[in-house]
């Protein structure tokens, strides 16, 4: 449900490698799209997911600053 990289080892590619592994698993399972949500108050969260290829689909403007994102499991661009 939640996944965090300890602050002491962030910016070393661990999160990106976890995302790559999740994408590979999702591809093998036949998934086409992955969805997640995060919050603007979490430092770097939205920019991290954007760098992983996720696109913002909805920002609710609620008190939790929720941002909904998704991406294709397989890159759809040539």
PDB file of N, CA and C in Angstrom:
ATOM      1  N   UNK A   1       0.824  -1.191   0.000  1.00  0.00           N
ATOM      2  CA  UNK A   1       0.000   0.000   0.000  1.00  0.00           C
ATOM      3  C   UNK A   1       0.864   1.249   0.000  1.00  0.00           C
ATOM      4  N   UNK A   2       1.898   1.287   0.808  1.00  0.00           N
ATOM      5  CA  UNK A   2       2.792   2.440   0.849  1.00  0.00           C
ATOM      6  C   UNK A   2       4.220   1.954   0.691  1.00  0.00           C
ATOM      7  N   UNK A   3       5.007   2.792   0.074  1.00  0.00           N
ATOM      8  CA  UNK A   3       6.411   2.446  -0.120  1.00  0.00           C
ATOM      9  C   UNK A   3       7.241   3.704   0.068  1.00  0.00           C
ATOM     10  N   UNK A   4       8.244   3.596   0.901  1.00  0.00           N
ATOM     11  CA  UNK A   4       9.122   4.726   1.165  1.00  0.00           C
ATOM     12  C   UNK A   4      10.563   4.265   1.077  1.00  0.00           C
ATOM     13  N   UNK A   5      11.441   5.172   0.696  1.00  0.00           N
ATOM     14  CA  UNK A   5      12.879   4.936   0.772  1.00  0.00           C
ATOM     15  C   UNK A   5      13.373   5.797   1.926  1.00  0.00           C
ATOM     16  N   UNK A   6      14.136   5.195   2.823  1.00  0.00           N
ATOM     17  CA  UNK A   6      14.657   5.918   3.980  1.00  0.00           C
ATOM     18  C   UNK A   6      15.387   7.184   3.524  1.00  0.00           C
ATOM     19  N   UNK A   7      15.146   8.264   4.227  1.00  0.00           N
ATOM     20  CA  UNK A   7      15.724   9.559   3.859  1.00  0.00           C
ATOM     21  C   UNK A   7      17.245   9.516   3.758  1.00  0.00           C
ATOM     22  N   UNK A   8      17.874   8.664   4.544  1.00  0.00           N
ATOM     23  CA  UNK A   8      19.339   8.622   4.547  1.00  0.00           C
ATOM     24  C   UNK A   8      19.926   8.033   3.266  1.00  0.00           C
ATOM     25  N   UNK A   9      19.114   7.345   2.476  1.00  0.00           N
ATOM     26  CA  UNK A   9      19.621   6.732   1.241  1.00  0.00           C
ATOM     27  C   UNK A   9      18.848   7.170  -0.005  1.00  0.00           C
ATOM     28  N   UNK A  10      18.074   8.224   0.112  1.00  0.00           N
ATOM     29  CA  UNK A  10      17.350   8.731  -1.055  1.00  0.00           C
ATOM     30  C   UNK A  10      18.318   9.328  -2.063  1.00  0.00           C
ATOM     31  N   UNK A  11      17.846   9.438  -3.296  1.00  0.00           N
ATOM     32  CA  UNK A  11      18.611  10.010  -4.414  1.00  0.00           C
ATOM     33  C   UNK A  11      19.755   9.102  -4.839  1.00  0.00           C
ATOM     34  N   UNK A  12      19.606   7.799  -4.592  1.00  0.00           N
ATOM     35  CA  UNK A  12      20.587   6.809  -5.026  1.00  0.00           C
ATOM     36  C   UNK A  12      20.000   5.835  -6.049  1.00  0.00           C
ATOM     37  N   UNK A  13      18.802   6.112  -6.539  1.00  0.00           N
ATOM     38  CA  UNK A  13      18.191   5.262  -7.555  1.00  0.00           C
ATOM     39  C   UNK A  13      17.378   4.097  -7.021  1.00  0.00           C
ATOM     40  N   UNK A  14      17.257   3.981  -5.707  1.00  0.00           N
ATOM     41  CA  UNK A  14      16.521   2.855  -5.119  1.00  0.00           C
ATOM     42  C   UNK A  14      15.046   2.910  -5.515  1.00  0.00           C
ATOM     43  N   UNK A  15      14.436   4.062  -5.373  1.00  0.00           N
ATOM     44  CA  UNK A  15      13.024   4.206  -5.726  1.00  0.00           C
ATOM     45  C   UNK A  15      12.770   3.911  -7.197  1.00  0.00           C
ATOM     46  N   UNK A  16      13.648   4.406  -8.060  1.00  0.00           N
ATOM     47  CA  UNK A  16      13.498   4.154  -9.494  1.00  0.00           C
ATOM     48  C   UNK A  16      13.615   2.666  -9.803  1.00  0.00           C
ATOM     49  N   UNK A  17      14.529   1.975  -9.125  1.00  0.00           N
ATOM     50  CA  UNK A  17      14.670   0.535  -9.330  1.00  0.00           C
ATOM     51  C   UNK A  17      13.438  -0.219  -8.831  1.00  0.00           C
ATOM     52  N   UNK A  18      12.859   0.233  -7.741  1.00  0.00           N
ATOM     53  CA  UNK A  18      11.624  -0.391  -7.245  1.00  0.00           C
ATOM     54  C   UNK A  18      10.489  -0.216  -8.255  1.00  0.00           C
ATOM     55  N   UNK A  19      10.411   0.975  -8.845  1.00  0.00           N
ATOM     56  CA  UNK A  19       9.374   1.220  -9.850  1.00  0.00           C
ATOM     57  C   UNK A  19       9.601   0.323 -11.069  1.00  0.00           C
ATOM     58  N   UNK A  20      10.844   0.207 -11.523  1.00  0.00           N
ATOM     59  CA  UNK A  20      11.142  -0.671 -12.662  1.00  0.00           C
ATOM     60  C   UNK A  20      10.712  -2.108 -12.366  1.00  0.00           C
ATOM     61  N   UNK A  21      10.996  -2.576 -11.161  1.00  0.00           N
ATOM     62  CA  UNK A  21      10.607  -3.942 -10.779  1.00  0.00           C
ATOM     63  C   UNK A  21       9.088  -4.082 -10.763  1.00  0.00           C
ATOM     64  N   UNK A  22       8.404  -3.080 -10.244  1.00  0.00           N
ATOM     65  CA  UNK A  22       6.933  -3.124 -10.215  1.00  0.00           C
ATOM     66  C   UNK A  22       6.358  -3.122 -11.626  1.00  0.00           C
ATOM     67  N   UNK A  23       6.947  -2.335 -12.520  1.00  0.00           N
ATOM     68  CA  UNK A  23       6.483  -2.308 -13.914  1.00  0.00           C
ATOM     69  C   UNK A  23       6.693  -3.660 -14.590  1.00  0.00           C
ATOM     70  N   UNK A  24       7.827  -4.284 -14.334  1.00  0.00           N
ATOM     71  CA  UNK A  24       8.098  -5.599 -14.923  1.00  0.00           C
ATOM     72  C   UNK A  24       7.101  -6.639 -14.408  1.00  0.00           C
ATOM     73  N   UNK A  25       6.832  -6.609 -13.126  1.00  0.00           N
ATOM     74  CA  UNK A  25       5.860  -7.525 -12.537  1.00  0.00           C
ATOM     75  C   UNK A  25       4.473  -7.289 -13.121  1.00  0.00           C
ATOM     76  N   UNK A  26       4.090  -6.016 -13.242  1.00  0.00           N
ATOM     77  CA  UNK A  26       2.780  -5.685 -13.802  1.00  0.00           C
ATOM     78  C   UNK A  26       2.678  -6.141 -15.256  1.00  0.00           C
ATOM     79  N   UNK A  27       3.759  -5.985 -16.010  1.00  0.00           N
ATOM     80  CA  UNK A  27       3.758  -6.423 -17.418  1.00  0.00           C
ATOM     81  C   UNK A  27       3.572  -7.934 -17.512  1.00  0.00           C
ATOM     82  N   UNK A  28       4.285  -8.676 -16.674  1.00  0.00           N
ATOM     83  CA  UNK A  28       4.156 -10.139 -16.692  1.00  0.00           C
ATOM     84  C   UNK A  28       2.755 -10.581 -16.295  1.00  0.00           C
ATOM     85  N   UNK A  29       2.104  -9.805 -15.439  1.00  0.00           N
ATOM     86  CA  UNK A  29       0.757 -10.144 -14.988  1.00  0.00           C
ATOM     87  C   UNK A  29      -0.318  -9.680 -15.974  1.00  0.00           C
ATOM     88  N   UNK A  30       0.094  -8.950 -17.014  1.00  0.00           N
ATOM     89  CA  UNK A  30      -0.859  -8.529 -18.032  1.00  0.00           C
ATOM     90  C   UNK A  30      -1.533  -7.195 -17.791  1.00  0.00           C
ATOM     91  N   UNK A  31      -1.059  -6.434 -16.826  1.00  0.00           N
ATOM     92  CA  UNK A  31      -1.646  -5.112 -16.588  1.00  0.00           C
ATOM     93  C   UNK A  31      -1.249  -4.148 -17.697  1.00  0.00           C
ATOM     94  N   UNK A  32      -2.129  -3.220 -17.992  1.00  0.00           N
ATOM     95  CA  UNK A  32      -1.852  -2.216 -19.018  1.00  0.00           C
ATOM     96  C   UNK A  32      -1.545  -0.847 -18.429  1.00  0.00           C
ATOM     97  N   UNK A  33      -2.199  -0.515 -17.314  1.00  0.00           N
ATOM     98  CA  UNK A  33      -2.042   0.815 -16.717  1.00  0.00           C
ATOM     99  C   UNK A  33      -1.869   0.658 -15.214  1.00  0.00           C
ATOM    100  N   UNK A  34      -0.980   1.474 -14.648  1.00  0.00           N
ATOM    101  CA  UNK A  34      -0.837   1.546 -13.198  1.00  0.00           C
ATOM    102  C   UNK A  34      -1.356   2.894 -12.723  1.00  0.00           C
ATOM    103  N   UNK A  35      -2.049   2.878 -11.607  1.00  0.00           N
ATOM    104  CA  UNK A  35      -2.602   4.086 -10.990  1.00  0.00           C
ATOM    105  C   UNK A  35      -2.009   4.227  -9.599  1.00  0.00           C
ATOM    106  N   UNK A  36      -1.797   5.468  -9.187  1.00  0.00           N
ATOM    107  CA  UNK A  36      -1.420   5.736  -7.810  1.00  0.00           C
ATOM    108  C   UNK A  36      -1.915   7.126  -7.436  1.00  0.00           C
ATOM    109  N   UNK A  37      -1.906   7.383  -6.157  1.00  0.00           N
ATOM    110  CA  UNK A  37      -2.133   8.757  -5.722  1.00  0.00           C
ATOM    111  C   UNK A  37      -1.076   9.103  -4.692  1.00  0.00           C
ATOM    112  N   UNK A  38      -0.773  10.385  -4.643  1.00  0.00           N
ATOM    113  CA  UNK A  38       0.173  10.907  -3.672  1.00  0.00           C
ATOM    114  C   UNK A  38      -0.342  12.268  -3.225  1.00  0.00           C
ATOM    115  N   UNK A  39       0.486  12.989  -2.516  1.00  0.00           N
ATOM    116  CA  UNK A  39       0.046  14.263  -1.957  1.00  0.00           C
ATOM    117  C   UNK A  39       1.112  15.329  -2.169  1.00  0.00           C
ATOM    118  N   UNK A  40       0.677  16.525  -2.469  1.00  0.00           N
ATOM    119  CA  UNK A  40       1.590  17.645  -2.708  1.00  0.00           C
ATOM    120  C   UNK A  40       2.420  17.979  -1.471  1.00  0.00           C
ATOM    121  N   UNK A  41       1.921  17.695  -0.276  1.00  0.00           N
ATOM    122  CA  UNK A  41       2.678  18.050   0.927  1.00  0.00           C
ATOM    123  C   UNK A  41       3.874  17.134   1.175  1.00  0.00           C
ATOM    124  N   UNK A  42       3.974  16.038   0.426  1.00  0.00           N
ATOM    125  CA  UNK A  42       5.122  15.140   0.554  1.00  0.00           C
ATOM    126  C   UNK A  42       6.243  15.662  -0.347  1.00  0.00           C
ATOM    127  N   UNK A  43       7.344  16.101   0.233  1.00  0.00           N
ATOM    128  CA  UNK A  43       8.411  16.707  -0.570  1.00  0.00           C
ATOM    129  C   UNK A  43       8.933  15.765  -1.651  1.00  0.00           C
ATOM    130  N   UNK A  44       8.898  16.224  -2.879  1.00  0.00           N
ATOM    131  CA  UNK A  44       9.448  15.471  -3.995  1.00  0.00           C
ATOM    132  C   UNK A  44       8.582  14.362  -4.545  1.00  0.00           C
ATOM    133  N   UNK A  45       7.445  14.087  -3.933  1.00  0.00           N
ATOM    134  CA  UNK A  45       6.635  12.934  -4.348  1.00  0.00           C
ATOM    135  C   UNK A  45       6.110  13.080  -5.774  1.00  0.00           C
ATOM    136  N   UNK A  46       5.468  14.177  -6.071  1.00  0.00           N
ATOM    137  CA  UNK A  46       4.878  14.345  -7.409  1.00  0.00           C
ATOM    138  C   UNK A  46       5.979  14.367  -8.461  1.00  0.00           C
ATOM    139  N   UNK A  47       7.064  15.077  -8.213  1.00  0.00           N
ATOM    140  CA  UNK A  47       8.143  15.142  -9.207  1.00  0.00           C
ATOM    141  C   UNK A  47       8.787  13.766  -9.409  1.00  0.00           C
ATOM    142  N   UNK A  48       8.922  12.971  -8.342  1.00  0.00           N
ATOM    143  CA  UNK A  48       9.461  11.619  -8.491  1.00  0.00           C
ATOM    144  C   UNK A  48       8.584  10.808  -9.428  1.00  0.00           C
ATOM    145  N   UNK A  49       7.289  10.788  -9.174  1.00  0.00           N
ATOM    146  CA  UNK A  49       6.402   9.959  -9.996  1.00  0.00           C
ATOM    147  C   UNK A  49       6.340  10.458 -11.424  1.00  0.00           C
ATOM    148  N   UNK A  50       6.424  11.764 -11.617  1.00  0.00           N
ATOM    149  CA  UNK A  50       6.462  12.310 -12.981  1.00  0.00           C
ATOM    150  C   UNK A  50       7.716  11.836 -13.712  1.00  0.00           C
ATOM    151  N   UNK A  51       8.854  11.802 -13.022  1.00  0.00           N
ATOM    152  CA  UNK A  51      10.091  11.303 -13.636  1.00  0.00           C
ATOM    153  C   UNK A  51       9.985   9.823 -13.993  1.00  0.00           C
ATOM    154  N   UNK A  52       9.111   9.103 -13.321  1.00  0.00           N
ATOM    155  CA  UNK A  52       8.909   7.677 -13.606  1.00  0.00           C
ATOM    156  C   UNK A  52       7.908   7.458 -14.728  1.00  0.00           C
ATOM    157  N   UNK A  53       7.438   8.529 -15.333  1.00  0.00           N
ATOM    158  CA  UNK A  53       6.538   8.408 -16.475  1.00  0.00           C
ATOM    159  C   UNK A  53       5.065   8.504 -16.147  1.00  0.00           C
ATOM    160  N   UNK A  54       4.727   8.769 -14.897  1.00  0.00           N
ATOM    161  CA  UNK A  54       3.323   8.918 -14.508  1.00  0.00           C
ATOM    162  C   UNK A  54       2.831  10.303 -14.889  1.00  0.00           C
ATOM    163  N   UNK A  55       1.571  10.366 -15.301  1.00  0.00           N
ATOM    164  CA  UNK A  55       0.948  11.629 -15.681  1.00  0.00           C
ATOM    165  C   UNK A  55      -0.154  11.973 -14.702  1.00  0.00           C
ATOM    166  N   UNK A  56      -0.233  13.242 -14.375  1.00  0.00           N
ATOM    167  CA  UNK A  56      -1.296  13.705 -13.471  1.00  0.00           C
ATOM    168  C   UNK A  56      -2.623  13.644 -14.215  1.00  0.00           C
ATOM    169  N   UNK A  57      -3.589  12.993 -13.602  1.00  0.00           N
ATOM    170  CA  UNK A  57      -4.932  12.893 -14.176  1.00  0.00           C
ATOM    171  C   UNK A  57      -5.934  13.776 -13.444  1.00  0.00           C
ATOM    172  N   UNK A  58      -5.702  13.982 -12.126  1.00  0.00           N
ATOM    173  CA  UNK A  58      -6.651  14.762 -11.339  1.00  0.00           C
ATOM    174  C   UNK A  58      -5.976  15.273 -10.077  1.00  0.00           C
ATOM    175  N   UNK A  59      -6.215  16.519  -9.773  1.00  0.00           N
ATOM    176  CA  UNK A  59      -5.851  17.071  -8.469  1.00  0.00           C
ATOM    177  C   UNK A  59      -7.150  17.520  -7.826  1.00  0.00           C
ATOM    178  N   UNK A  60      -7.451  16.938  -6.681  1.00  0.00           N
ATOM    179  CA  UNK A  60      -8.757  17.164  -6.082  1.00  0.00           C
ATOM    180  C   UNK A  60      -8.870  18.494  -5.351  1.00  0.00           C
ATOM    181  N   UNK A  61      -7.726  19.076  -4.976  1.00  0.00           N
ATOM    182  CA  UNK A  61      -7.782  20.326  -4.231  1.00  0.00           C
ATOM    183  C   UNK A  61      -8.288  20.139  -2.811  1.00  0.00           C
ATOM    184  N   UNK A  62      -8.277  18.898  -2.328  1.00  0.00           N
ATOM    185  CA  UNK A  62      -8.758  18.636  -0.978  1.00  0.00           C
ATOM    186  C   UNK A  62      -7.702  19.015   0.066  1.00  0.00           C
ATOM    187  N   UNK A  63      -8.052  18.850   1.322  1.00  0.00           N
ATOM    188  CA  UNK A  63      -7.147  19.227   2.408  1.00  0.00           C
ATOM    189  C   UNK A  63      -5.880  18.369   2.439  1.00  0.00           C
ATOM    190  N   UNK A  64      -5.908  17.188   1.820  1.00  0.00           N
ATOM    191  CA  UNK A  64      -4.731  16.325   1.763  1.00  0.00           C
ATOM    192  C   UNK A  64      -3.874  16.583   0.524  1.00  0.00           C
ATOM    193  N   UNK A  65      -4.299  17.520  -0.312  1.00  0.00           N
ATOM    194  CA  UNK A  65      -3.561  17.871  -1.531  1.00  0.00           C
ATOM    195  C   UNK A  65      -3.315  16.630  -2.398  1.00  0.00           C
ATOM    196  N   UNK A  66      -4.349  15.836  -2.579  1.00  0.00           N
ATOM    197  CA  UNK A  66      -4.241  14.567  -3.294  1.00  0.00           C
ATOM    198  C   UNK A  66      -4.054  14.788  -4.787  1.00  0.00           C
ATOM    199  N   UNK A  67      -3.095  14.051  -5.348  1.00  0.00           N
ATOM    200  CA  UNK A  67      -2.808  14.078  -6.781  1.00  0.00           C
ATOM    201  C   UNK A  67      -2.928  12.641  -7.285  1.00  0.00           C
ATOM    202  N   UNK A  68      -3.752  12.434  -8.306  1.00  0.00           N
ATOM    203  CA  UNK A  68      -3.964  11.113  -8.897  1.00  0.00           C
ATOM    204  C   UNK A  68      -3.150  11.032 -10.184  1.00  0.00           C
ATOM    205  N   UNK A  69      -2.375   9.948 -10.332  1.00  0.00           N
ATOM    206  CA  UNK A  69      -1.507   9.775 -11.489  1.00  0.00           C
ATOM    207  C   UNK A  69      -1.643   8.366 -12.043  1.00  0.00           C
ATOM    208  N   UNK A  70      -1.319   8.214 -13.335  1.00  0.00           N
ATOM    209  CA  UNK A  70      -1.245   6.879 -13.904  1.00  0.00           C
ATOM    210  C   UNK A  70      -0.223   6.855 -15.028  1.00  0.00           C
ATOM    211  N   UNK A  71       0.117   5.656 -15.467  1.00  0.00           N
ATOM    212  CA  UNK A  71       1.009   5.480 -16.608  1.00  0.00           C
ATOM    213  C   UNK A  71       0.782   4.114 -17.216  1.00  0.00           C
ATOM    214  N   UNK A  72       1.053   4.023 -18.508  1.00  0.00           N
ATOM    215  CA  UNK A  72       1.012   2.729 -19.174  1.00  0.00           C
ATOM    216  C   UNK A  72       2.165   1.876 -18.659  1.00  0.00           C
ATOM    217  N   UNK A  73       1.926   0.596 -18.523  1.00  0.00           N
ATOM    218  CA  UNK A  73       2.968  -0.316 -18.096  1.00  0.00           C
ATOM    219  C   UNK A  73       4.043  -0.390 -19.162  1.00  0.00           C
ATOM    220  N   UNK A  74       3.636  -0.543 -20.410  1.00  0.00           N
ATOM    221  CA  UNK A  74       4.560  -0.522 -21.541  1.00  0.00           C
ATOM    222  C   UNK A  74       4.478   0.865 -22.178  1.00  0.00           C
ATOM    223  N   UNK A  75       5.617   1.447 -22.458  1.00  0.00           N
ATOM    224  CA  UNK A  75       5.638   2.778 -23.079  1.00  0.00           C
ATOM    225  C   UNK A  75       4.899   2.721 -24.414  1.00  0.00           C
ATOM    226  N   UNK A  76       3.917   3.578 -24.586  1.00  0.00           N
ATOM    227  CA  UNK A  76       3.100   3.574 -25.807  1.00  0.00           C
ATOM    228  C   UNK A  76       3.695   4.461 -26.900  1.00  0.00           C
ATOM    229  N   UNK A  77       4.799   5.142 -26.615  1.00  0.00           N
ATOM    230  CA  UNK A  77       5.397   6.039 -27.587  1.00  0.00           C
ATOM    231  C   UNK A  77       6.528   5.331 -28.324  1.00  0.00           C
ATOM    232  N   UNK A  78       6.600   5.502 -29.661  1.00  0.00           N
ATOM    233  CA  UNK A  78       7.670   4.842 -30.439  1.00  0.00           C
ATOM    234  C   UNK A  78       9.050   5.386 -30.107  1.00  0.00           C
TER     235      UNK A  78
END
